[in-house]
Amino acid sequence: MTQKTSRTGVEKSIDQFLRVLRERNSSPHTIKAYAGDLENFAAYVGPRGWKNIDHIVVRGFLAHLYEKGLSKTSVARSLAAVRSLYRWLAQEGVVEQNPASLVATPKLPKKLPRVPTMEEMNGVLDGAMPEVASFPERDALMFELLYGCGIRNSELIGINLDDMGMSAEVILIRGKGKKERFVPFGESVKSALARYLPQRQKVLAVRRKNVNALLINQRGGRLTTRSVGRIVKKIAVAKGLSADIHPHTLRHAFGTHMLVEGADLRAIHVMLGHERLATTQRYTQLSTRHVLEVYDRTHPRAK
């Protein structure tokens, strides 16, 4: 009969920590991930007590994970699990310091969003709205504004009827930090607006409401960001686009396509309402990727 190996102090603490997470109704996915990461940590530190584990040991643990072939994302997640464990240990009075907080998080590569091509966007905007669109005129205008003006979801729902300067063809946009800016719009937005406004008035007449919001729901109230996200995804999928499309994707598409077509980076910066030019410069990366994709797809020597 084999004798059961007694658990170390670190392993016992980890068991207690995971039990607390379960009692707090933490996500099962989080608990499962933490359990695996902390089991690896306990195996690495072996019989050491908490007093003998410093930031050098934690850093060695991360190096050990890299040697095993784990990705930067997985290593960063393991470090996050160890940090959480230490925060709990400090609350319990088991440790006085968190050595994991002295270890830098692995720098993760920034993932650039996948941007629909111009052809894909024209395919969504040029044809009729699909049957899933509950308010086709409004939904068409929504897409035209998000893609045609590059505005944020929160900015879209905040537009009031009197913010539309029809003669000057600009919209007053209230952005982050209550900053206001004027964004130009073209014929496509103008046409979509002309089709939508009579329908908007019909809804408000039936509901006996008088609201200033440009985009309304079928009850006559202002749209929410959640509703816009749901509508955009539903229509995009019905039009053959990827299911990961959301309102911000259309804003990325606006910036990328403007740059590809030769627009000045500073002009895009102003239209998007970015605080720093560095944020807008991400679109140069997006457009470069687009050029590489086109090259790989079309040049006979790229294949």
C-alpha atoms as a PDB file:
ATOM      1  CA  MET A   1       0.000   0.000   0.000  1.00  0.00           C
ATOM      2  CA  THR A   2       1.514   3.346  -1.115  1.00  0.00           C
ATOM      3  CA  GLN A   3       1.662   6.106   1.434  1.00  0.00           C
ATOM      4  CA  LYS A   4       0.004   9.406   0.539  1.00  0.00           C
ATOM      5  CA  THR A   5       2.466  12.280   0.240  1.00  0.00           C
ATOM      6  CA  SER A   6       1.556  15.074   2.658  1.00  0.00           C
ATOM      7  CA  ARG A   7       0.727  18.390   1.000  1.00  0.00           C
ATOM      8  CA  THR A   8       3.083  21.314   1.402  1.00  0.00           C
ATOM      9  CA  GLY A   9       2.106  24.578   3.081  1.00  0.00           C
ATOM     10  CA  VAL A  10       1.930  26.279  -0.305  1.00  0.00           C
ATOM     11  CA  GLU A  11      -0.388  23.584  -1.686  1.00  0.00           C
ATOM     12  CA  LYS A  12      -2.669  23.824   1.369  1.00  0.00           C
ATOM     13  CA  SER A  13      -2.886  27.613   0.973  1.00  0.00           C
ATOM     14  CA  ILE A  14      -3.741  27.212  -2.709  1.00  0.00           C
ATOM     15  CA  ASP A  15      -6.524  24.742  -1.820  1.00  0.00           C
ATOM     16  CA  GLN A  16      -7.972  27.275   0.651  1.00  0.00           C
ATOM     17  CA  PHE A  17      -7.699  30.106  -1.877  1.00  0.00           C
ATOM     18  CA  LEU A  18      -9.556  28.129  -4.557  1.00  0.00           C
ATOM     19  CA  ARG A  19     -12.232  27.197  -2.020  1.00  0.00           C
ATOM     20  CA  VAL A  20     -12.718  30.910  -1.228  1.00  0.00           C
ATOM     21  CA  LEU A  21     -13.066  31.664  -4.959  1.00  0.00           C
ATOM     22  CA  ARG A  22     -15.792  29.023  -5.235  1.00  0.00           C
ATOM     23  CA  GLU A  23     -17.598  30.445  -2.205  1.00  0.00           C
ATOM     24  CA  ARG A  24     -17.472  33.891  -3.845  1.00  0.00           C
ATOM     25  CA  ASN A  25     -19.096  32.401  -6.966  1.00  0.00           C
ATOM     26  CA  SER A  26     -16.129  33.299  -9.132  1.00  0.00           C
ATOM     27  CA  SER A  27     -16.300  32.209 -12.765  1.00  0.00           C
ATOM     28  CA  PRO A  28     -15.751  28.423 -13.147  1.00  0.00           C
ATOM     29  CA  HIS A  29     -13.450  29.226 -16.070  1.00  0.00           C
ATOM     30  CA  THR A  30     -11.307  31.504 -13.849  1.00  0.00           C
ATOM     31  CA  ILE A  31     -11.168  28.921 -11.043  1.00  0.00           C
ATOM     32  CA  LYS A  32     -10.125  26.173 -13.461  1.00  0.00           C
ATOM     33  CA  ALA A  33      -7.412  28.366 -15.009  1.00  0.00           C
ATOM     34  CA  TYR A  34      -6.109  29.499 -11.592  1.00  0.00           C
ATOM     35  CA  ALA A  35      -6.086  25.901 -10.320  1.00  0.00           C
ATOM     36  CA  GLY A  36      -3.852  24.776 -13.192  1.00  0.00           C
ATOM     37  CA  ASP A  37      -1.520  27.788 -12.965  1.00  0.00           C
ATOM     38  CA  LEU A  38      -1.155  27.572  -9.181  1.00  0.00           C
ATOM     39  CA  GLU A  39      -0.589  23.815  -9.299  1.00  0.00           C
ATOM     40  CA  ASN A  40       2.386  24.520 -11.602  1.00  0.00           C
ATOM     41  CA  PHE A  41       3.586  27.212  -9.180  1.00  0.00           C
ATOM     42  CA  ALA A  42       3.372  24.847  -6.190  1.00  0.00           C
ATOM     43  CA  ALA A  43       5.273  22.167  -8.110  1.00  0.00           C
ATOM     44  CA  TYR A  44       8.006  24.676  -9.002  1.00  0.00           C
ATOM     45  CA  VAL A  45       8.534  26.082  -5.478  1.00  0.00           C
ATOM     46  CA  GLY A  46       8.437  22.600  -3.951  1.00  0.00           C
ATOM     47  CA  PRO A  47       8.805  22.421  -0.145  1.00  0.00           C
ATOM     48  CA  ARG A  48       9.728  26.112   0.267  1.00  0.00           C
ATOM     49  CA  GLY A  49       7.679  28.059   2.791  1.00  0.00           C
ATOM     50  CA  TRP A  50       6.151  31.458   1.998  1.00  0.00           C
ATOM     51  CA  LYS A  51       9.043  33.257   3.730  1.00  0.00           C
ATOM     52  CA  ASN A  52      11.517  31.644   1.340  1.00  0.00           C
ATOM     53  CA  ILE A  53       9.665  32.696  -1.834  1.00  0.00           C
ATOM     54  CA  ASP A  54      10.764  36.095  -3.131  1.00  0.00           C
ATOM     55  CA  HIS A  55      10.490  37.914  -6.476  1.00  0.00           C
ATOM     56  CA  ILE A  56      13.588  36.036  -7.754  1.00  0.00           C
ATOM     57  CA  VAL A  57      11.750  32.732  -7.244  1.00  0.00           C
ATOM     58  CA  VAL A  58       8.617  34.078  -8.955  1.00  0.00           C
ATOM     59  CA  ARG A  59      10.732  35.308 -11.882  1.00  0.00           C
ATOM     60  CA  GLY A  60      12.368  31.868 -12.045  1.00  0.00           C
ATOM     61  CA  PHE A  61       8.899  30.319 -12.200  1.00  0.00           C
ATOM     62  CA  LEU A  62       8.058  32.428 -15.261  1.00  0.00           C
ATOM     63  CA  ALA A  63      11.364  31.473 -16.918  1.00  0.00           C
ATOM     64  CA  HIS A  64      10.499  27.819 -16.203  1.00  0.00           C
ATOM     65  CA  LEU A  65       7.140  28.273 -17.997  1.00  0.00           C
ATOM     66  CA  TYR A  66       8.877  29.791 -21.032  1.00  0.00           C
ATOM     67  CA  GLU A  67      11.260  26.813 -21.112  1.00  0.00           C
ATOM     68  CA  LYS A  68       8.227  24.499 -21.183  1.00  0.00           C
ATOM     69  CA  GLY A  69       7.094  26.328 -24.347  1.00  0.00           C
ATOM     70  CA  LEU A  70       4.204  28.360 -22.901  1.00  0.00           C
ATOM     71  CA  SER A  71       3.187  31.515 -24.760  1.00  0.00           C
ATOM     72  CA  LYS A  72       3.515  35.037 -23.338  1.00  0.00           C
ATOM     73  CA  THR A  73      -0.263  35.123 -22.846  1.00  0.00           C
ATOM     74  CA  SER A  74      -0.213  31.926 -20.766  1.00  0.00           C
ATOM     75  CA  VAL A  75       2.774  33.134 -18.719  1.00  0.00           C
ATOM     76  CA  ALA A  76       1.049  36.474 -18.061  1.00  0.00           C
ATOM     77  CA  ARG A  77      -2.063  34.608 -16.901  1.00  0.00           C
ATOM     78  CA  SER A  78       0.042  32.471 -14.528  1.00  0.00           C
ATOM     79  CA  LEU A  79       1.621  35.586 -13.035  1.00  0.00           C
ATOM     80  CA  ALA A  80      -1.854  37.098 -12.553  1.00  0.00           C
ATOM     81  CA  ALA A  81      -2.936  33.942 -10.701  1.00  0.00           C
ATOM     82  CA  VAL A  82       0.095  34.108  -8.381  1.00  0.00           C
ATOM     83  CA  ARG A  83      -0.537  37.822  -7.725  1.00  0.00           C
ATOM     84  CA  SER A  84      -4.171  37.104  -6.820  1.00  0.00           C
ATOM     85  CA  LEU A  85      -3.078  34.305  -4.499  1.00  0.00           C
ATOM     86  CA  TYR A  86      -0.648  36.654  -2.748  1.00  0.00           C
ATOM     87  CA  ARG A  87      -3.294  39.371  -2.347  1.00  0.00           C
ATOM     88  CA  TRP A  88      -5.499  36.843  -0.567  1.00  0.00           C
ATOM     89  CA  LEU A  89      -2.576  35.611   1.569  1.00  0.00           C
ATOM     90  CA  ALA A  90      -1.894  39.226   2.642  1.00  0.00           C
ATOM     91  CA  GLN A  91      -5.570  39.675   3.622  1.00  0.00           C
ATOM     92  CA  GLU A  92      -5.305  36.493   5.697  1.00  0.00           C
ATOM     93  CA  GLY A  93      -2.114  37.714   7.370  1.00  0.00           C
ATOM     94  CA  VAL A  94      -0.030  34.836   6.004  1.00  0.00           C
ATOM     95  CA  VAL A  95       2.426  37.125   4.166  1.00  0.00           C
ATOM     96  CA  GLU A  96       3.385  40.771   4.532  1.00  0.00           C
ATOM     97  CA  GLN A  97       4.533  41.458   0.978  1.00  0.00           C
ATOM     98  CA  ASN A  98       3.584  40.422  -2.536  1.00  0.00           C
ATOM     99  CA  PRO A  99       6.800  39.457  -4.361  1.00  0.00           C
ATOM    100  CA  ALA A 100       4.801  38.778  -7.542  1.00  0.00           C
ATOM    101  CA  SER A 101       4.018  42.502  -7.756  1.00  0.00           C
ATOM    102  CA  LEU A 102       7.750  43.194  -8.241  1.00  0.00           C
ATOM    103  CA  VAL A 103       7.837  41.007 -11.367  1.00  0.00           C
ATOM    104  CA  ALA A 104       6.994  42.719 -14.653  1.00  0.00           C
ATOM    105  CA  THR A 105       4.099  41.322 -16.675  1.00  0.00           C
ATOM    106  CA  PRO A 106       5.262  39.847 -20.022  1.00  0.00           C
ATOM    107  CA  LYS A 107       4.701  42.397 -22.772  1.00  0.00           C
ATOM    108  CA  LEU A 108       1.922  41.031 -24.952  1.00  0.00           C
ATOM    109  CA  PRO A 109       1.747  41.827 -28.666  1.00  0.00           C
ATOM    110  CA  LYS A 110      -1.040  44.277 -29.468  1.00  0.00           C
ATOM    111  CA  LYS A 111      -3.658  42.623 -31.618  1.00  0.00           C
ATOM    112  CA  LEU A 112      -4.901  44.834 -34.396  1.00  0.00           C
ATOM    113  CA  PRO A 113      -8.611  44.530 -35.119  1.00  0.00           C
ATOM    114  CA  ARG A 114      -9.670  42.820 -38.331  1.00  0.00           C
ATOM    115  CA  VAL A 115     -11.117  45.557 -40.543  1.00  0.00           C
ATOM    116  CA  PRO A 116     -13.675  44.833 -43.284  1.00  0.00           C
ATOM    117  CA  THR A 117     -12.520  45.728 -46.785  1.00  0.00           C
ATOM    118  CA  MET A 118     -14.022  48.647 -48.724  1.00  0.00           C
ATOM    119  CA  GLU A 119     -15.821  46.134 -50.936  1.00  0.00           C
ATOM    120  CA  GLU A 120     -17.357  44.433 -47.893  1.00  0.00           C
ATOM    121  CA  MET A 121     -18.507  47.761 -46.442  1.00  0.00           C
ATOM    122  CA  ASN A 122     -19.996  48.845 -49.768  1.00  0.00           C
ATOM    123  CA  GLY A 123     -21.792  45.496 -49.934  1.00  0.00           C
ATOM    124  CA  VAL A 124     -23.459  46.224 -46.585  1.00  0.00           C
ATOM    125  CA  LEU A 125     -24.346  49.835 -47.357  1.00  0.00           C
ATOM    126  CA  ASP A 126     -25.309  49.772 -51.036  1.00  0.00           C
ATOM    127  CA  GLY A 127     -27.999  47.096 -50.954  1.00  0.00           C
ATOM    128  CA  ALA A 128     -31.287  47.065 -49.074  1.00  0.00           C
ATOM    129  CA  MET A 129     -31.235  46.283 -45.389  1.00  0.00           C
ATOM    130  CA  PRO A 130     -31.797  42.543 -44.706  1.00  0.00           C
ATOM    131  CA  GLU A 131     -35.058  41.146 -43.315  1.00  0.00           C
ATOM    132  CA  VAL A 132     -33.569  40.973 -39.809  1.00  0.00           C
ATOM    133  CA  ALA A 133     -33.547  44.790 -39.679  1.00  0.00           C
ATOM    134  CA  SER A 134     -36.546  45.781 -37.542  1.00  0.00           C
ATOM    135  CA  PHE A 135     -36.294  49.483 -38.530  1.00  0.00           C
ATOM    136  CA  PRO A 136     -34.495  49.465 -41.926  1.00  0.00           C
ATOM    137  CA  GLU A 137     -34.321  53.244 -42.482  1.00  0.00           C
ATOM    138  CA  ARG A 138     -32.865  53.884 -39.043  1.00  0.00           C
ATOM    139  CA  ASP A 139     -30.451  50.952 -39.263  1.00  0.00           C
ATOM    140  CA  ALA A 140     -29.159  52.096 -42.663  1.00  0.00           C
ATOM    141  CA  LEU A 141     -28.515  55.575 -41.232  1.00  0.00           C
ATOM    142  CA  MET A 142     -26.778  54.013 -38.227  1.00  0.00           C
ATOM    143  CA  PHE A 143     -24.303  52.176 -40.475  1.00  0.00           C
ATOM    144  CA  GLU A 144     -23.753  55.269 -42.609  1.00  0.00           C
ATOM    145  CA  LEU A 145     -22.933  57.362 -39.536  1.00  0.00           C
ATOM    146  CA  LEU A 146     -20.656  54.796 -37.880  1.00  0.00           C
ATOM    147  CA  TYR A 147     -18.680  54.061 -41.038  1.00  0.00           C
ATOM    148  CA  GLY A 148     -19.151  57.356 -42.889  1.00  0.00           C
ATOM    149  CA  CYS A 149     -18.175  59.556 -39.934  1.00  0.00           C
ATOM    150  CA  GLY A 150     -16.029  57.244 -37.792  1.00  0.00           C
ATOM    151  CA  ILE A 151     -17.863  58.074 -34.581  1.00  0.00           C
ATOM    152  CA  ARG A 152     -17.979  56.003 -31.400  1.00  0.00           C
ATOM    153  CA  ASN A 153     -21.070  54.049 -30.343  1.00  0.00           C
ATOM    154  CA  SER A 154     -21.582  56.343 -27.337  1.00  0.00           C
ATOM    155  CA  GLU A 155     -21.286  59.400 -29.597  1.00  0.00           C
ATOM    156  CA  LEU A 156     -23.792  57.954 -32.056  1.00  0.00           C
ATOM    157  CA  ILE A 157     -26.576  57.535 -29.508  1.00  0.00           C
ATOM    158  CA  GLY A 158     -25.877  61.006 -28.122  1.00  0.00           C
ATOM    159  CA  ILE A 159     -26.622  62.798 -31.409  1.00  0.00           C
ATOM    160  CA  ASN A 160     -29.674  65.047 -31.242  1.00  0.00           C
ATOM    161  CA  LEU A 161     -31.759  66.180 -34.175  1.00  0.00           C
ATOM    162  CA  ASP A 162     -30.496  69.754 -33.906  1.00  0.00           C
ATOM    163  CA  ASP A 163     -26.863  68.555 -33.953  1.00  0.00           C
ATOM    164  CA  MET A 164     -27.192  67.844 -37.670  1.00  0.00           C
ATOM    165  CA  GLY A 165     -26.046  70.910 -39.595  1.00  0.00           C
ATOM    166  CA  MET A 166     -27.705  70.042 -42.881  1.00  0.00           C
ATOM    167  CA  SER A 167     -26.595  73.152 -44.776  1.00  0.00           C
ATOM    168  CA  ALA A 168     -22.969  72.879 -43.635  1.00  0.00           C
ATOM    169  CA  GLU A 169     -23.028  69.044 -43.837  1.00  0.00           C
ATOM    170  CA  VAL A 170     -21.413  68.599 -40.424  1.00  0.00           C
ATOM    171  CA  ILE A 171     -22.543  66.920 -37.213  1.00  0.00           C
ATOM    172  CA  LEU A 172     -21.829  68.219 -33.741  1.00  0.00           C
ATOM    173  CA  ILE A 173     -20.347  65.268 -31.840  1.00  0.00           C
ATOM    174  CA  ARG A 174     -19.938  65.145 -28.073  1.00  0.00           C
ATOM    175  CA  GLY A 175     -16.949  62.938 -27.402  1.00  0.00           C
ATOM    176  CA  LYS A 176     -14.992  61.700 -24.411  1.00  0.00           C
ATOM    177  CA  GLY A 177     -14.545  64.132 -21.551  1.00  0.00           C
ATOM    178  CA  LYS A 178     -17.433  66.256 -22.879  1.00  0.00           C
ATOM    179  CA  LYS A 179     -15.206  67.459 -25.729  1.00  0.00           C
ATOM    180  CA  GLU A 180     -17.134  68.644 -28.769  1.00  0.00           C
ATOM    181  CA  ARG A 181     -16.060  68.421 -32.392  1.00  0.00           C
ATOM    182  CA  PHE A 182     -17.638  68.864 -35.812  1.00  0.00           C
ATOM    183  CA  VAL A 183     -17.494  65.861 -38.147  1.00  0.00           C
ATOM    184  CA  PRO A 184     -18.336  66.175 -41.868  1.00  0.00           C
ATOM    185  CA  PHE A 185     -20.794  63.861 -43.599  1.00  0.00           C
ATOM    186  CA  GLY A 186     -21.427  63.164 -47.262  1.00  0.00           C
ATOM    187  CA  GLU A 187     -24.250  62.419 -49.665  1.00  0.00           C
ATOM    188  CA  SER A 188     -24.731  58.853 -48.398  1.00  0.00           C
ATOM    189  CA  VAL A 189     -25.534  60.060 -44.876  1.00  0.00           C
ATOM    190  CA  LYS A 190     -27.720  62.845 -46.307  1.00  0.00           C
ATOM    191  CA  SER A 191     -29.750  60.366 -48.383  1.00  0.00           C
ATOM    192  CA  ALA A 192     -30.116  57.899 -45.497  1.00  0.00           C
ATOM    193  CA  LEU A 193     -31.240  60.760 -43.254  1.00  0.00           C
ATOM    194  CA  ALA A 194     -33.880  61.867 -45.785  1.00  0.00           C
ATOM    195  CA  ARG A 195     -35.321  58.329 -45.855  1.00  0.00           C
ATOM    196  CA  TYR A 196     -35.234  57.938 -42.071  1.00  0.00           C
ATOM    197  CA  LEU A 197     -36.692  61.228 -40.768  1.00  0.00           C
ATOM    198  CA  PRO A 198     -40.273  60.679 -42.095  1.00  0.00           C
ATOM    199  CA  GLN A 199     -40.288  57.170 -40.534  1.00  0.00           C
ATOM    200  CA  ARG A 200     -38.967  58.591 -37.278  1.00  0.00           C
ATOM    201  CA  GLN A 201     -41.801  61.108 -37.245  1.00  0.00           C
ATOM    202  CA  LYS A 202     -44.384  58.354 -37.806  1.00  0.00           C
ATOM    203  CA  VAL A 203     -43.081  56.387 -34.794  1.00  0.00           C
ATOM    204  CA  LEU A 204     -43.171  59.480 -32.580  1.00  0.00           C
ATOM    205  CA  ALA A 205     -46.691  60.377 -33.764  1.00  0.00           C
ATOM    206  CA  VAL A 206     -47.986  56.887 -32.915  1.00  0.00           C
ATOM    207  CA  ARG A 207     -46.252  56.976 -29.527  1.00  0.00           C
ATOM    208  CA  ARG A 208     -47.302  60.599 -28.963  1.00  0.00           C
ATOM    209  CA  LYS A 209     -43.778  61.567 -28.081  1.00  0.00           C
ATOM    210  CA  ASN A 210     -41.547  64.479 -28.897  1.00  0.00           C
ATOM    211  CA  VAL A 211     -37.870  63.649 -28.359  1.00  0.00           C
ATOM    212  CA  ASN A 212     -34.671  65.330 -29.525  1.00  0.00           C
ATOM    213  CA  ALA A 213     -32.669  62.102 -30.003  1.00  0.00           C
ATOM    214  CA  LEU A 214     -31.800  61.493 -33.650  1.00  0.00           C
ATOM    215  CA  LEU A 215     -31.852  57.694 -33.439  1.00  0.00           C
ATOM    216  CA  ILE A 216     -34.844  56.226 -31.641  1.00  0.00           C
ATOM    217  CA  ASN A 217     -36.197  52.771 -30.897  1.00  0.00           C
ATOM    218  CA  GLN A 218     -39.679  51.667 -31.925  1.00  0.00           C
ATOM    219  CA  ARG A 219     -41.069  52.859 -28.592  1.00  0.00           C
ATOM    220  CA  GLY A 220     -39.895  56.386 -29.331  1.00  0.00           C
ATOM    221  CA  GLY A 221     -36.985  56.379 -26.855  1.00  0.00           C
ATOM    222  CA  ARG A 222     -33.286  57.030 -27.393  1.00  0.00           C
ATOM    223  CA  LEU A 223     -31.244  53.995 -28.477  1.00  0.00           C
ATOM    224  CA  THR A 224     -28.712  52.488 -26.063  1.00  0.00           C
ATOM    225  CA  THR A 225     -25.132  51.427 -26.902  1.00  0.00           C
ATOM    226  CA  ARG A 226     -26.106  47.812 -26.207  1.00  0.00           C
ATOM    227  CA  SER A 227     -28.968  48.016 -28.727  1.00  0.00           C
ATOM    228  CA  VAL A 228     -26.665  49.532 -31.352  1.00  0.00           C
ATOM    229  CA  GLY A 229     -24.126  46.738 -30.820  1.00  0.00           C
ATOM    230  CA  ARG A 230     -26.794  44.073 -31.188  1.00  0.00           C
ATOM    231  CA  ILE A 231     -28.271  45.667 -34.340  1.00  0.00           C
ATOM    232  CA  VAL A 232     -24.869  46.152 -36.007  1.00  0.00           C
ATOM    233  CA  LYS A 233     -23.826  42.548 -35.393  1.00  0.00           C
ATOM    234  CA  LYS A 234     -27.159  41.111 -36.571  1.00  0.00           C
ATOM    235  CA  ILE A 235     -27.168  43.088 -39.821  1.00  0.00           C
ATOM    236  CA  ALA A 236     -23.455  42.584 -40.514  1.00  0.00           C
ATOM    237  CA  VAL A 237     -23.809  38.794 -40.175  1.00  0.00           C
ATOM    238  CA  ALA A 238     -26.926  38.803 -42.373  1.00  0.00           C
ATOM    239  CA  LYS A 239     -24.891  40.694 -44.985  1.00  0.00           C
ATOM    240  CA  GLY A 240     -22.121  38.100 -44.910  1.00  0.00           C
ATOM    241  CA  LEU A 241     -19.591  39.798 -42.627  1.00  0.00           C
ATOM    242  CA  SER A 242     -17.787  38.136 -39.723  1.00  0.00           C
ATOM    243  CA  ALA A 243     -19.666  37.605 -36.449  1.00  0.00           C
ATOM    244  CA  ASP A 244     -17.008  39.583 -34.549  1.00  0.00           C
ATOM    245  CA  ILE A 245     -18.175  42.884 -36.097  1.00  0.00           C
ATOM    246  CA  HIS A 246     -19.202  45.566 -33.605  1.00  0.00           C
ATOM    247  CA  PRO A 247     -19.715  49.367 -33.834  1.00  0.00           C
ATOM    248  CA  HIS A 248     -16.047  50.109 -33.096  1.00  0.00           C
ATOM    249  CA  THR A 249     -15.050  47.899 -36.054  1.00  0.00           C
ATOM    250  CA  LEU A 250     -16.784  50.382 -38.348  1.00  0.00           C
ATOM    251  CA  ARG A 251     -14.834  53.232 -36.730  1.00  0.00           C
ATOM    252  CA  HIS A 252     -11.595  51.332 -37.406  1.00  0.00           C
ATOM    253  CA  ALA A 253     -12.729  50.767 -40.986  1.00  0.00           C
ATOM    254  CA  PHE A 254     -13.368  54.523 -41.407  1.00  0.00           C
ATOM    255  CA  GLY A 255      -9.842  55.426 -40.246  1.00  0.00           C
ATOM    256  CA  THR A 256      -8.118  52.663 -42.204  1.00  0.00           C
ATOM    257  CA  HIS A 257      -9.945  53.265 -45.477  1.00  0.00           C
ATOM    258  CA  MET A 258      -9.430  57.041 -45.266  1.00  0.00           C
ATOM    259  CA  LEU A 259      -5.694  56.469 -44.813  1.00  0.00           C
ATOM    260  CA  VAL A 260      -5.504  53.934 -47.645  1.00  0.00           C
ATOM    261  CA  GLU A 261      -7.195  56.461 -49.939  1.00  0.00           C
ATOM    262  CA  GLY A 262      -4.595  59.107 -49.105  1.00  0.00           C
ATOM    263  CA  ALA A 263      -6.163  61.126 -46.267  1.00  0.00           C
ATOM    264  CA  ASP A 264      -3.817  63.110 -44.029  1.00  0.00           C
ATOM    265  CA  LEU A 265      -3.198  61.420 -40.658  1.00  0.00           C
ATOM    266  CA  ARG A 266      -3.833  64.663 -38.753  1.00  0.00           C
ATOM    267  CA  ALA A 267      -7.186  65.174 -40.473  1.00  0.00           C
ATOM    268  CA  ILE A 268      -8.215  61.635 -39.480  1.00  0.00           C
ATOM    269  CA  HIS A 269      -6.977  62.402 -35.957  1.00  0.00           C
ATOM    270  CA  VAL A 270      -9.319  65.407 -35.733  1.00  0.00           C
ATOM    271  CA  MET A 271     -12.318  63.575 -37.208  1.00  0.00           C
ATOM    272  CA  LEU A 272     -11.930  60.593 -34.885  1.00  0.00           C
ATOM    273  CA  GLY A 273     -11.537  62.860 -31.853  1.00  0.00           C
ATOM    274  CA  HIS A 274      -8.419  61.114 -30.574  1.00  0.00           C
ATOM    275  CA  GLU A 275      -6.613  62.863 -27.749  1.00  0.00           C
ATOM    276  CA  ARG A 276      -3.172  61.729 -28.913  1.00  0.00           C
ATOM    277  CA  LEU A 277      -1.845  61.393 -32.456  1.00  0.00           C
ATOM    278  CA  ALA A 278      -0.166  58.133 -31.392  1.00  0.00           C
ATOM    279  CA  THR A 279      -3.628  56.553 -31.100  1.00  0.00           C
ATOM    280  CA  THR A 280      -4.422  57.526 -34.699  1.00  0.00           C
ATOM    281  CA  GLN A 281      -1.056  56.216 -35.879  1.00  0.00           C
ATOM    282  CA  ARG A 282      -2.301  52.694 -35.193  1.00  0.00           C
ATOM    283  CA  TYR A 283      -4.219  53.053 -38.446  1.00  0.00           C
ATOM    284  CA  THR A 284      -0.930  53.170 -40.343  1.00  0.00           C
ATOM    285  CA  GLN A 285      -0.321  49.634 -39.035  1.00  0.00           C
ATOM    286  CA  LEU A 286      -3.811  48.603 -40.105  1.00  0.00           C
ATOM    287  CA  SER A 287      -3.403  50.016 -43.606  1.00  0.00           C
ATOM    288  CA  THR A 288       0.052  48.413 -43.989  1.00  0.00           C
ATOM    289  CA  ARG A 289      -1.450  45.066 -43.083  1.00  0.00           C
ATOM    290  CA  HIS A 290      -4.197  45.665 -45.661  1.00  0.00           C
ATOM    291  CA  VAL A 291      -1.571  46.377 -48.355  1.00  0.00           C
ATOM    292  CA  LEU A 292       0.305  43.177 -47.441  1.00  0.00           C
ATOM    293  CA  GLU A 293      -2.903  41.158 -47.638  1.00  0.00           C
ATOM    294  CA  VAL A 294      -3.684  42.585 -51.078  1.00  0.00           C
ATOM    295  CA  TYR A 295      -0.129  41.820 -52.239  1.00  0.00           C
ATOM    296  CA  ASP A 296      -0.237  38.244 -50.954  1.00  0.00           C
ATOM    297  CA  ARG A 297      -3.629  37.689 -52.552  1.00  0.00           C
ATOM    298  CA  THR A 298      -3.014  39.273 -55.956  1.00  0.00           C
ATOM    299  CA  HIS A 299       0.661  39.386 -56.931  1.00  0.00           C
ATOM    300  CA  PRO A 300       1.706  36.357 -58.995  1.00  0.00           C
ATOM    301  CA  ARG A 301       5.145  36.221 -57.334  1.00  0.00           C
ATOM    302  CA  ALA A 302       3.698  36.286 -53.813  1.00  0.00           C
ATOM    303  CA  LYS A 303       2.185  32.842 -54.098  1.00  0.00           C
END
